[in-house]
Amino acid sequence: MKKIVALMAIFAAFAFAADGDTMIKAYSVIAAVVGLGLAALGGAIGMGHASAATIAGTARNPGMGGKLMGTMFIALAMIEAQVIYALVLALIALYANPFLG
């Protein structure tokens, strides 16, 4: 954890040393990476919980396995959609930055 904080401090130092547009671009890159990382982490945790609950439900009642599996795939698609939305926002921040004049 200390290494990550040190790395972020180094990135911040480079961002503060630059002019206005370069500083905005540097912070946009940092925000895109951190935001996408958090979205992927949250999505992975959510998918893990959904899969574990489906496996536990199927183990308790094998007859409901098909319905549980279909519901799980719908839930996984919705969870993954949130991560894809974060990716789209990160790409917008990187390539079509609305904060640059």
PDB file of N, CA and C in Angstrom:
ATOM      1  N   MET A   1       0.820  -1.187   0.000  1.00  0.00           N
ATOM      2  CA  MET A   1       0.000   0.000   0.000  1.00  0.00           C
ATOM      3  C   MET A   1       0.873   1.263   0.000  1.00  0.00           C
ATOM      4  N   LYS A   2       1.977   1.197   0.731  1.00  0.00           N
ATOM      5  CA  LYS A   2       2.862   2.352   0.783  1.00  0.00           C
ATOM      6  C   LYS A   2       3.476   2.650  -0.589  1.00  0.00           C
ATOM      7  N   LYS A   3       3.736   1.584  -1.343  1.00  0.00           N
ATOM      8  CA  LYS A   3       4.313   1.779  -2.676  1.00  0.00           C
ATOM      9  C   LYS A   3       3.310   2.472  -3.603  1.00  0.00           C
ATOM     10  N   ILE A   4       2.049   2.111  -3.467  1.00  0.00           N
ATOM     11  CA  ILE A   4       1.016   2.730  -4.308  1.00  0.00           C
ATOM     12  C   ILE A   4       0.871   4.203  -3.967  1.00  0.00           C
ATOM     13  N   VAL A   5       0.878   4.537  -2.680  1.00  0.00           N
ATOM     14  CA  VAL A   5       0.772   5.934  -2.263  1.00  0.00           C
ATOM     15  C   VAL A   5       1.983   6.726  -2.753  1.00  0.00           C
ATOM     16  N   ALA A   6       3.168   6.133  -2.665  1.00  0.00           N
ATOM     17  CA  ALA A   6       4.376   6.811  -3.146  1.00  0.00           C
ATOM     18  C   ALA A   6       4.307   7.035  -4.657  1.00  0.00           C
ATOM     19  N   LEU A   7       3.822   6.042  -5.379  1.00  0.00           N
ATOM     20  CA  LEU A   7       3.689   6.173  -6.828  1.00  0.00           C
ATOM     21  C   LEU A   7       2.696   7.273  -7.190  1.00  0.00           C
ATOM     22  N   MET A   8       1.587   7.345  -6.466  1.00  0.00           N
ATOM     23  CA  MET A   8       0.601   8.400  -6.709  1.00  0.00           C
ATOM     24  C   MET A   8       1.193   9.777  -6.392  1.00  0.00           C
ATOM     25  N   ALA A   9       2.009   9.876  -5.354  1.00  0.00           N
ATOM     26  CA  ALA A   9       2.650  11.147  -5.023  1.00  0.00           C
ATOM     27  C   ALA A   9       3.624  11.571  -6.125  1.00  0.00           C
ATOM     28  N   ILE A  10       4.321  10.609  -6.703  1.00  0.00           N
ATOM     29  CA  ILE A  10       5.234  10.926  -7.800  1.00  0.00           C
ATOM     30  C   ILE A  10       4.455  11.427  -9.012  1.00  0.00           C
ATOM     31  N   PHE A  11       3.336  10.753  -9.334  1.00  0.00           N
ATOM     32  CA  PHE A  11       2.498  11.213 -10.444  1.00  0.00           C
ATOM     33  C   PHE A  11       1.962  12.616 -10.180  1.00  0.00           C
ATOM     34  N   ALA A  12       1.565  12.870  -8.945  1.00  0.00           N
ATOM     35  CA  ALA A  12       1.051  14.190  -8.606  1.00  0.00           C
ATOM     36  C   ALA A  12       2.140  15.250  -8.749  1.00  0.00           C
ATOM     37  N   ALA A  13       3.362  14.917  -8.379  1.00  0.00           N
ATOM     38  CA  ALA A  13       4.462  15.872  -8.519  1.00  0.00           C
ATOM     39  C   ALA A  13       4.698  16.222  -9.983  1.00  0.00           C
ATOM     40  N   PHE A  14       4.637  15.229 -10.861  1.00  0.00           N
ATOM     41  CA  PHE A  14       4.788  15.506 -12.290  1.00  0.00           C
ATOM     42  C   PHE A  14       3.631  16.360 -12.796  1.00  0.00           C
ATOM     43  N   ALA A  15       2.439  16.110 -12.290  1.00  0.00           N
ATOM     44  CA  ALA A  15       1.277  16.871 -12.744  1.00  0.00           C
ATOM     45  C   ALA A  15       1.368  18.327 -12.294  1.00  0.00           C
ATOM     46  N   PHE A  16       1.836  18.568 -11.064  1.00  0.00           N
ATOM     47  CA  PHE A  16       1.946  19.937 -10.577  1.00  0.00           C
ATOM     48  C   PHE A  16       3.073  20.702 -11.266  1.00  0.00           C
ATOM     49  N   ALA A  17       4.065  19.995 -11.788  1.00  0.00           N
ATOM     50  CA  ALA A  17       5.184  20.666 -12.433  1.00  0.00           C
ATOM     51  C   ALA A  17       4.860  21.133 -13.840  1.00  0.00           C
ATOM     52  N   ALA A  18       3.730  20.732 -14.367  1.00  0.00           N
ATOM     53  CA  ALA A  18       3.390  21.033 -15.755  1.00  0.00           C
ATOM     54  C   ALA A  18       2.512  22.273 -15.845  1.00  0.00           C
ATOM     55  N   ASP A  19       2.274  22.715 -17.086  1.00  0.00           N
ATOM     56  CA  ASP A  19       1.381  23.844 -17.293  1.00  0.00           C
ATOM     57  C   ASP A  19      -0.070  23.381 -17.204  1.00  0.00           C
ATOM     58  N   GLY A  20      -1.016  24.259 -17.514  1.00  0.00           N
ATOM     59  CA  GLY A  20      -2.432  23.981 -17.298  1.00  0.00           C
ATOM     60  C   GLY A  20      -2.980  22.785 -18.054  1.00  0.00           C
ATOM     61  N   ASP A  21      -2.792  22.757 -19.382  1.00  0.00           N
ATOM     62  CA  ASP A  21      -3.352  21.669 -20.177  1.00  0.00           C
ATOM     63  C   ASP A  21      -2.687  20.337 -19.847  1.00  0.00           C
ATOM     64  N   THR A  22      -1.390  20.361 -19.656  1.00  0.00           N
ATOM     65  CA  THR A  22      -0.680  19.127 -19.330  1.00  0.00           C
ATOM     66  C   THR A  22      -1.096  18.613 -17.962  1.00  0.00           C
ATOM     67  N   MET A  23      -1.345  19.524 -17.020  1.00  0.00           N
ATOM     68  CA  MET A  23      -1.784  19.121 -15.692  1.00  0.00           C
ATOM     69  C   MET A  23      -3.163  18.458 -15.761  1.00  0.00           C
ATOM     70  N   ILE A  24      -4.059  19.019 -16.551  1.00  0.00           N
ATOM     71  CA  ILE A  24      -5.395  18.435 -16.704  1.00  0.00           C
ATOM     72  C   ILE A  24      -5.294  17.053 -17.340  1.00  0.00           C
ATOM     73  N   LYS A  25      -4.433  16.911 -18.339  1.00  0.00           N
ATOM     74  CA  LYS A  25      -4.253  15.606 -18.974  1.00  0.00           C
ATOM     75  C   LYS A  25      -3.671  14.587 -17.994  1.00  0.00           C
ATOM     76  N   ALA A  26      -2.719  15.013 -17.181  1.00  0.00           N
ATOM     77  CA  ALA A  26      -2.109  14.103 -16.217  1.00  0.00           C
ATOM     78  C   ALA A  26      -3.125  13.641 -15.184  1.00  0.00           C
ATOM     79  N   TYR A  27      -3.910  14.564 -14.669  1.00  0.00           N
ATOM     80  CA  TYR A  27      -4.930  14.175 -13.701  1.00  0.00           C
ATOM     81  C   TYR A  27      -6.029  13.346 -14.355  1.00  0.00           C
ATOM     82  N   SER A  28      -6.309  13.575 -15.615  1.00  0.00           N
ATOM     83  CA  SER A  28      -7.294  12.760 -16.314  1.00  0.00           C
ATOM     84  C   SER A  28      -6.823  11.319 -16.435  1.00  0.00           C
ATOM     85  N   VAL A  29      -5.548  11.128 -16.710  1.00  0.00           N
ATOM     86  CA  VAL A  29      -4.995   9.776 -16.792  1.00  0.00           C
ATOM     87  C   VAL A  29      -5.074   9.090 -15.431  1.00  0.00           C
ATOM     88  N   ILE A  30      -4.684   9.800 -14.385  1.00  0.00           N
ATOM     89  CA  ILE A  30      -4.741   9.225 -13.040  1.00  0.00           C
ATOM     90  C   ILE A  30      -6.177   8.878 -12.661  1.00  0.00           C
ATOM     91  N   ALA A  31      -7.109   9.788 -12.937  1.00  0.00           N
ATOM     92  CA  ALA A  31      -8.513   9.531 -12.612  1.00  0.00           C
ATOM     93  C   ALA A  31      -9.071   8.367 -13.417  1.00  0.00           C
ATOM     94  N   ALA A  32      -8.697   8.269 -14.688  1.00  0.00           N
ATOM     95  CA  ALA A  32      -9.189   7.168 -15.520  1.00  0.00           C
ATOM     96  C   ALA A  32      -8.674   5.827 -15.013  1.00  0.00           C
ATOM     97  N   VAL A  33      -7.405   5.770 -14.661  1.00  0.00           N
ATOM     98  CA  VAL A  33      -6.824   4.511 -14.184  1.00  0.00           C
ATOM     99  C   VAL A  33      -7.422   4.108 -12.847  1.00  0.00           C
ATOM    100  N   VAL A  34      -7.508   5.043 -11.923  1.00  0.00           N
ATOM    101  CA  VAL A  34      -8.060   4.721 -10.598  1.00  0.00           C
ATOM    102  C   VAL A  34      -9.542   4.370 -10.709  1.00  0.00           C
ATOM    103  N   GLY A  35     -10.284   5.134 -11.487  1.00  0.00           N
ATOM    104  CA  GLY A  35     -11.710   4.866 -11.631  1.00  0.00           C
ATOM    105  C   GLY A  35     -11.983   3.529 -12.278  1.00  0.00           C
ATOM    106  N   LEU A  36     -11.235   3.200 -13.320  1.00  0.00           N
ATOM    107  CA  LEU A  36     -11.432   1.922 -13.988  1.00  0.00           C
ATOM    108  C   LEU A  36     -10.992   0.764 -13.093  1.00  0.00           C
ATOM    109  N   GLY A  37      -9.939   0.974 -12.334  1.00  0.00           N
ATOM    110  CA  GLY A  37      -9.495  -0.064 -11.397  1.00  0.00           C
ATOM    111  C   GLY A  37     -10.535  -0.342 -10.322  1.00  0.00           C
ATOM    112  N   LEU A  38     -11.120   0.713  -9.769  1.00  0.00           N
ATOM    113  CA  LEU A  38     -12.160   0.529  -8.755  1.00  0.00           C
ATOM    114  C   LEU A  38     -13.405  -0.118  -9.347  1.00  0.00           C
ATOM    115  N   ALA A  39     -13.766   0.263 -10.568  1.00  0.00           N
ATOM    116  CA  ALA A  39     -14.931  -0.351 -11.212  1.00  0.00           C
ATOM    117  C   ALA A  39     -14.691  -1.832 -11.472  1.00  0.00           C
ATOM    118  N   ALA A  40     -13.498  -2.183 -11.927  1.00  0.00           N
ATOM    119  CA  ALA A  40     -13.186  -3.591 -12.177  1.00  0.00           C
ATOM    120  C   ALA A  40     -13.152  -4.379 -10.868  1.00  0.00           C
ATOM    121  N   LEU A  41     -12.624  -3.771  -9.817  1.00  0.00           N
ATOM    122  CA  LEU A  41     -12.598  -4.438  -8.512  1.00  0.00           C
ATOM    123  C   LEU A  41     -14.011  -4.676  -7.996  1.00  0.00           C
ATOM    124  N   GLY A  42     -14.858  -3.670  -8.075  1.00  0.00           N
ATOM    125  CA  GLY A  42     -16.241  -3.820  -7.630  1.00  0.00           C
ATOM    126  C   GLY A  42     -16.997  -4.835  -8.463  1.00  0.00           C
ATOM    127  N   GLY A  43     -16.775  -4.827  -9.773  1.00  0.00           N
ATOM    128  CA  GLY A  43     -17.421  -5.797 -10.641  1.00  0.00           C
ATOM    129  C   GLY A  43     -16.982  -7.223 -10.334  1.00  0.00           C
ATOM    130  N   ALA A  44     -15.692  -7.397 -10.080  1.00  0.00           N
ATOM    131  CA  ALA A  44     -15.185  -8.735  -9.761  1.00  0.00           C
ATOM    132  C   ALA A  44     -15.759  -9.242  -8.441  1.00  0.00           C
ATOM    133  N   ILE A  45     -15.852  -8.365  -7.461  1.00  0.00           N
ATOM    134  CA  ILE A  45     -16.442  -8.761  -6.175  1.00  0.00           C
ATOM    135  C   ILE A  45     -17.917  -9.115  -6.352  1.00  0.00           C
ATOM    136  N   GLY A  46     -18.644  -8.297  -7.099  1.00  0.00           N
ATOM    137  CA  GLY A  46     -20.056  -8.574  -7.339  1.00  0.00           C
ATOM    138  C   GLY A  46     -20.271  -9.873  -8.097  1.00  0.00           C
ATOM    139  N   MET A  47     -19.425 -10.133  -9.105  1.00  0.00           N
ATOM    140  CA  MET A  47     -19.553 -11.381  -9.853  1.00  0.00           C
ATOM    141  C   MET A  47     -19.228 -12.584  -8.977  1.00  0.00           C
ATOM    142  N   GLY A  48     -18.267 -12.439  -8.115  1.00  0.00           N
ATOM    143  CA  GLY A  48     -17.927 -13.527  -7.205  1.00  0.00           C
ATOM    144  C   GLY A  48     -19.068 -13.851  -6.256  1.00  0.00           C
ATOM    145  N   HIS A  49     -19.694 -12.797  -5.714  1.00  0.00           N
ATOM    146  CA  HIS A  49     -20.830 -13.026  -4.814  1.00  0.00           C
ATOM    147  C   HIS A  49     -22.014 -13.654  -5.552  1.00  0.00           C
ATOM    148  N   ALA A  50     -22.283 -13.195  -6.759  1.00  0.00           N
ATOM    149  CA  ALA A  50     -23.394 -13.756  -7.532  1.00  0.00           C
ATOM    150  C   ALA A  50     -23.140 -15.225  -7.860  1.00  0.00           C
ATOM    151  N   SER A  51     -21.919 -15.544  -8.256  1.00  0.00           N
ATOM    152  CA  SER A  51     -21.597 -16.933  -8.578  1.00  0.00           C
ATOM    153  C   SER A  51     -21.665 -17.821  -7.337  1.00  0.00           C
ATOM    154  N   ALA A  52     -21.149 -17.334  -6.223  1.00  0.00           N
ATOM    155  CA  ALA A  52     -21.184 -18.116  -4.988  1.00  0.00           C
ATOM    156  C   ALA A  52     -22.615 -18.370  -4.527  1.00  0.00           C
ATOM    157  N   ALA A  53     -23.466 -17.356  -4.653  1.00  0.00           N
ATOM    158  CA  ALA A  53     -24.864 -17.533  -4.248  1.00  0.00           C
ATOM    159  C   ALA A  53     -25.579 -18.516  -5.168  1.00  0.00           C
ATOM    160  N   THR A  54     -25.257 -18.471  -6.459  1.00  0.00           N
ATOM    161  CA  THR A  54     -25.875 -19.415  -7.395  1.00  0.00           C
ATOM    162  C   THR A  54     -25.421 -20.843  -7.111  1.00  0.00           C
ATOM    163  N   ILE A  55     -24.166 -21.031  -6.839  1.00  0.00           N
ATOM    164  CA  ILE A  55     -23.651 -22.372  -6.526  1.00  0.00           C
ATOM    165  C   ILE A  55     -24.271 -22.886  -5.240  1.00  0.00           C
ATOM    166  N   ALA A  56     -24.377 -22.020  -4.226  1.00  0.00           N
ATOM    167  CA  ALA A  56     -24.986 -22.429  -2.962  1.00  0.00           C
ATOM    168  C   ALA A  56     -26.464 -22.768  -3.147  1.00  0.00           C
ATOM    169  N   GLY A  57     -27.172 -21.986  -3.941  1.00  0.00           N
ATOM    170  CA  GLY A  57     -28.580 -22.260  -4.202  1.00  0.00           C
ATOM    171  C   GLY A  57     -28.785 -23.556  -4.966  1.00  0.00           C
ATOM    172  N   THR A  58     -27.903 -23.822  -5.927  1.00  0.00           N
ATOM    173  CA  THR A  58     -27.996 -25.064  -6.690  1.00  0.00           C
ATOM    174  C   THR A  58     -27.664 -26.266  -5.807  1.00  0.00           C
ATOM    175  N   ALA A  59     -26.728 -26.103  -4.890  1.00  0.00           N
ATOM    176  CA  ALA A  59     -26.383 -27.196  -3.986  1.00  0.00           C
ATOM    177  C   ALA A  59     -27.543 -27.510  -3.040  1.00  0.00           C
ATOM    178  N   ARG A  60     -28.284 -26.497  -2.625  1.00  0.00           N
ATOM    179  CA  ARG A  60     -29.419 -26.720  -1.730  1.00  0.00           C
ATOM    180  C   ARG A  60     -30.619 -27.310  -2.457  1.00  0.00           C
ATOM    181  N   ASN A  61     -30.848 -26.868  -3.693  1.00  0.00           N
ATOM    182  CA  ASN A  61     -32.008 -27.338  -4.448  1.00  0.00           C
ATOM    183  C   ASN A  61     -31.589 -27.542  -5.904  1.00  0.00           C
ATOM    184  N   PRO A  62     -31.120 -28.738  -6.238  1.00  0.00           N
ATOM    185  CA  PRO A  62     -30.632 -28.985  -7.600  1.00  0.00           C
ATOM    186  C   PRO A  62     -31.690 -28.801  -8.688  1.00  0.00           C
ATOM    187  N   GLY A  63     -32.942 -28.910  -8.346  1.00  0.00           N
ATOM    188  CA  GLY A  63     -33.999 -28.739  -9.328  1.00  0.00           C
ATOM    189  C   GLY A  63     -34.126 -27.308  -9.826  1.00  0.00           C
ATOM    190  N   MET A  64     -33.691 -26.357  -9.049  1.00  0.00           N
ATOM    191  CA  MET A  64     -33.768 -24.939  -9.426  1.00  0.00           C
ATOM    192  C   MET A  64     -32.495 -24.445 -10.117  1.00  0.00           C
ATOM    193  N   GLY A  65     -31.564 -25.363 -10.405  1.00  0.00           N
ATOM    194  CA  GLY A  65     -30.275 -24.970 -10.984  1.00  0.00           C
ATOM    195  C   GLY A  65     -30.399 -24.191 -12.276  1.00  0.00           C
ATOM    196  N   GLY A  66     -31.313 -24.618 -13.161  1.00  0.00           N
ATOM    197  CA  GLY A  66     -31.473 -23.933 -14.444  1.00  0.00           C
ATOM    198  C   GLY A  66     -31.968 -22.510 -14.295  1.00  0.00           C
ATOM    199  N   LYS A  67     -32.976 -22.319 -13.435  1.00  0.00           N
ATOM    200  CA  LYS A  67     -33.503 -20.962 -13.211  1.00  0.00           C
ATOM    201  C   LYS A  67     -32.462 -20.069 -12.534  1.00  0.00           C
ATOM    202  N   LEU A  68     -31.761 -20.641 -11.577  1.00  0.00           N
ATOM    203  CA  LEU A  68     -30.726 -19.852 -10.893  1.00  0.00           C
ATOM    204  C   LEU A  68     -29.609 -19.458 -11.851  1.00  0.00           C
ATOM    205  N   MET A  69     -29.247 -20.388 -12.736  1.00  0.00           N
ATOM    206  CA  MET A  69     -28.164 -20.100 -13.684  1.00  0.00           C
ATOM    207  C   MET A  69     -28.562 -18.982 -14.648  1.00  0.00           C
ATOM    208  N   GLY A  70     -29.786 -19.035 -15.144  1.00  0.00           N
ATOM    209  CA  GLY A  70     -30.247 -17.976 -16.049  1.00  0.00           C
ATOM    210  C   GLY A  70     -30.295 -16.619 -15.370  1.00  0.00           C
ATOM    211  N   THR A  71     -30.775 -16.600 -14.136  1.00  0.00           N
ATOM    212  CA  THR A  71     -30.811 -15.348 -13.381  1.00  0.00           C
ATOM    213  C   THR A  71     -29.402 -14.836 -13.103  1.00  0.00           C
ATOM    214  N   MET A  72     -28.476 -15.773 -12.827  1.00  0.00           N
ATOM    215  CA  MET A  72     -27.097 -15.356 -12.563  1.00  0.00           C
ATOM    216  C   MET A  72     -26.474 -14.721 -13.806  1.00  0.00           C
ATOM    217  N   PHE A  73     -26.740 -15.291 -14.981  1.00  0.00           N
ATOM    218  CA  PHE A  73     -26.150 -14.720 -16.200  1.00  0.00           C
ATOM    219  C   PHE A  73     -26.688 -13.317 -16.479  1.00  0.00           C
ATOM    220  N   ILE A  74     -27.956 -13.099 -16.189  1.00  0.00           N
ATOM    221  CA  ILE A  74     -28.516 -11.748 -16.346  1.00  0.00           C
ATOM    222  C   ILE A  74     -27.850 -10.789 -15.368  1.00  0.00           C
ATOM    223  N   ALA A  75     -27.680 -11.231 -14.129  1.00  0.00           N
ATOM    224  CA  ALA A  75     -27.030 -10.376 -13.123  1.00  0.00           C
ATOM    225  C   ALA A  75     -25.574 -10.088 -13.498  1.00  0.00           C
ATOM    226  N   LEU A  76     -24.873 -11.100 -14.008  1.00  0.00           N
ATOM    227  CA  LEU A  76     -23.481 -10.887 -14.423  1.00  0.00           C
ATOM    228  C   LEU A  76     -23.386  -9.901 -15.577  1.00  0.00           C
ATOM    229  N   ALA A  77     -24.337  -9.966 -16.501  1.00  0.00           N
ATOM    230  CA  ALA A  77     -24.334  -9.019 -17.620  1.00  0.00           C
ATOM    231  C   ALA A  77     -24.557  -7.591 -17.127  1.00  0.00           C
ATOM    232  N   MET A  78     -25.440  -7.427 -16.153  1.00  0.00           N
ATOM    233  CA  MET A  78     -25.685  -6.084 -15.609  1.00  0.00           C
ATOM    234  C   MET A  78     -24.483  -5.567 -14.824  1.00  0.00           C
ATOM    235  N   ILE A  79     -23.828  -6.450 -14.095  1.00  0.00           N
ATOM    236  CA  ILE A  79     -22.622  -6.044 -13.364  1.00  0.00           C
ATOM    237  C   ILE A  79     -21.532  -5.637 -14.355  1.00  0.00           C
ATOM    238  N   GLU A  80     -21.351  -6.435 -15.399  1.00  0.00           N
ATOM    239  CA  GLU A  80     -20.321  -6.135 -16.391  1.00  0.00           C
ATOM    240  C   GLU A  80     -20.637  -4.851 -17.151  1.00  0.00           C
ATOM    241  N   ALA A  81     -21.919  -4.543 -17.325  1.00  0.00           N
ATOM    242  CA  ALA A  81     -22.293  -3.300 -18.006  1.00  0.00           C
ATOM    243  C   ALA A  81     -21.795  -2.085 -17.225  1.00  0.00           C
ATOM    244  N   GLN A  82     -21.842  -2.158 -15.913  1.00  0.00           N
ATOM    245  CA  GLN A  82     -21.350  -1.037 -15.110  1.00  0.00           C
ATOM    246  C   GLN A  82     -19.846  -0.825 -15.314  1.00  0.00           C
ATOM    247  N   VAL A  83     -19.106  -1.911 -15.432  1.00  0.00           N
ATOM    248  CA  VAL A  83     -17.664  -1.799 -15.674  1.00  0.00           C
ATOM    249  C   VAL A  83     -17.407  -1.219 -17.064  1.00  0.00           C
ATOM    250  N   ILE A  84     -18.216  -1.616 -18.038  1.00  0.00           N
ATOM    251  CA  ILE A  84     -18.059  -1.083 -19.392  1.00  0.00           C
ATOM    252  C   ILE A  84     -18.382   0.412 -19.418  1.00  0.00           C
ATOM    253  N   TYR A  85     -19.395   0.846 -18.642  1.00  0.00           N
ATOM    254  CA  TYR A  85     -19.687   2.279 -18.547  1.00  0.00           C
ATOM    255  C   TYR A  85     -18.496   3.040 -17.967  1.00  0.00           C
ATOM    256  N   ALA A  86     -17.841   2.464 -16.972  1.00  0.00           N
ATOM    257  CA  ALA A  86     -16.651   3.107 -16.406  1.00  0.00           C
ATOM    258  C   ALA A  86     -15.539   3.179 -17.441  1.00  0.00           C
ATOM    259  N   LEU A  87     -15.397   2.138 -18.261  1.00  0.00           N
ATOM    260  CA  LEU A  87     -14.392   2.155 -19.328  1.00  0.00           C
ATOM    261  C   LEU A  87     -14.693   3.249 -20.334  1.00  0.00           C
ATOM    262  N   VAL A  88     -15.955   3.405 -20.705  1.00  0.00           N
ATOM    263  CA  VAL A  88     -16.329   4.455 -21.659  1.00  0.00           C
ATOM    264  C   VAL A  88     -16.016   5.834 -21.082  1.00  0.00           C
ATOM    265  N   LEU A  89     -16.345   6.056 -19.813  1.00  0.00           N
ATOM    266  CA  LEU A  89     -16.041   7.346 -19.193  1.00  0.00           C
ATOM    267  C   LEU A  89     -14.538   7.582 -19.104  1.00  0.00           C
ATOM    268  N   ALA A  90     -13.775   6.524 -18.835  1.00  0.00           N
ATOM    269  CA  ALA A  90     -12.319   6.674 -18.790  1.00  0.00           C
ATOM    270  C   ALA A  90     -11.771   7.026 -20.168  1.00  0.00           C
ATOM    271  N   LEU A  91     -12.295   6.406 -21.206  1.00  0.00           N
ATOM    272  CA  LEU A  91     -11.838   6.725 -22.557  1.00  0.00           C
ATOM    273  C   LEU A  91     -12.226   8.145 -22.964  1.00  0.00           C
ATOM    274  N   ILE A  92     -13.396   8.591 -22.540  1.00  0.00           N
ATOM    275  CA  ILE A  92     -13.789   9.974 -22.816  1.00  0.00           C
ATOM    276  C   ILE A  92     -12.848  10.934 -22.108  1.00  0.00           C
ATOM    277  N   ALA A  93     -12.506  10.636 -20.859  1.00  0.00           N
ATOM    278  CA  ALA A  93     -11.598  11.508 -20.105  1.00  0.00           C
ATOM    279  C   ALA A  93     -10.209  11.540 -20.731  1.00  0.00           C
ATOM    280  N   LEU A  94      -9.804  10.447 -21.372  1.00  0.00           N
ATOM    281  CA  LEU A  94      -8.469  10.396 -21.957  1.00  0.00           C
ATOM    282  C   LEU A  94      -8.405  11.017 -23.355  1.00  0.00           C
ATOM    283  N   TYR A  95      -9.398  10.727 -24.199  1.00  0.00           N
ATOM    284  CA  TYR A  95      -9.280  11.115 -25.598  1.00  0.00           C
ATOM    285  C   TYR A  95     -10.159  12.278 -26.024  1.00  0.00           C
ATOM    286  N   ALA A  96     -11.265  12.500 -25.347  1.00  0.00           N
ATOM    287  CA  ALA A  96     -12.141  13.619 -25.690  1.00  0.00           C
ATOM    288  C   ALA A  96     -12.402  14.414 -24.413  1.00  0.00           C
ATOM    289  N   ASN A  97     -11.347  14.864 -23.794  1.00  0.00           N
ATOM    290  CA  ASN A  97     -11.428  15.486 -22.483  1.00  0.00           C
ATOM    291  C   ASN A  97     -12.267  16.767 -22.530  1.00  0.00           C
ATOM    292  N   PRO A  98     -13.387  16.792 -21.806  1.00  0.00           N
ATOM    293  CA  PRO A  98     -14.224  18.003 -21.843  1.00  0.00           C
ATOM    294  C   PRO A  98     -13.652  19.167 -21.046  1.00  0.00           C
ATOM    295  N   PHE A  99     -12.602  18.931 -20.264  1.00  0.00           N
ATOM    296  CA  PHE A  99     -12.022  20.002 -19.444  1.00  0.00           C
ATOM    297  C   PHE A  99     -10.947  20.802 -20.164  1.00  0.00           C
ATOM    298  N   LEU A 100     -10.558  20.330 -21.349  1.00  0.00           N
ATOM    299  CA  LEU A 100      -9.579  21.077 -22.122  1.00  0.00           C
ATOM    300  C   LEU A 100     -10.305  22.079 -23.033  1.00  0.00           C
ATOM    301  N   GLY A 101      -9.844  23.293 -23.009  1.00  0.00           N
ATOM    302  CA  GLY A 101     -10.516  24.339 -23.754  1.00  0.00           C
ATOM    303  C   GLY A 101     -10.194  24.339 -25.153  1.00  0.00           C
TER     304      GLY A 101
END
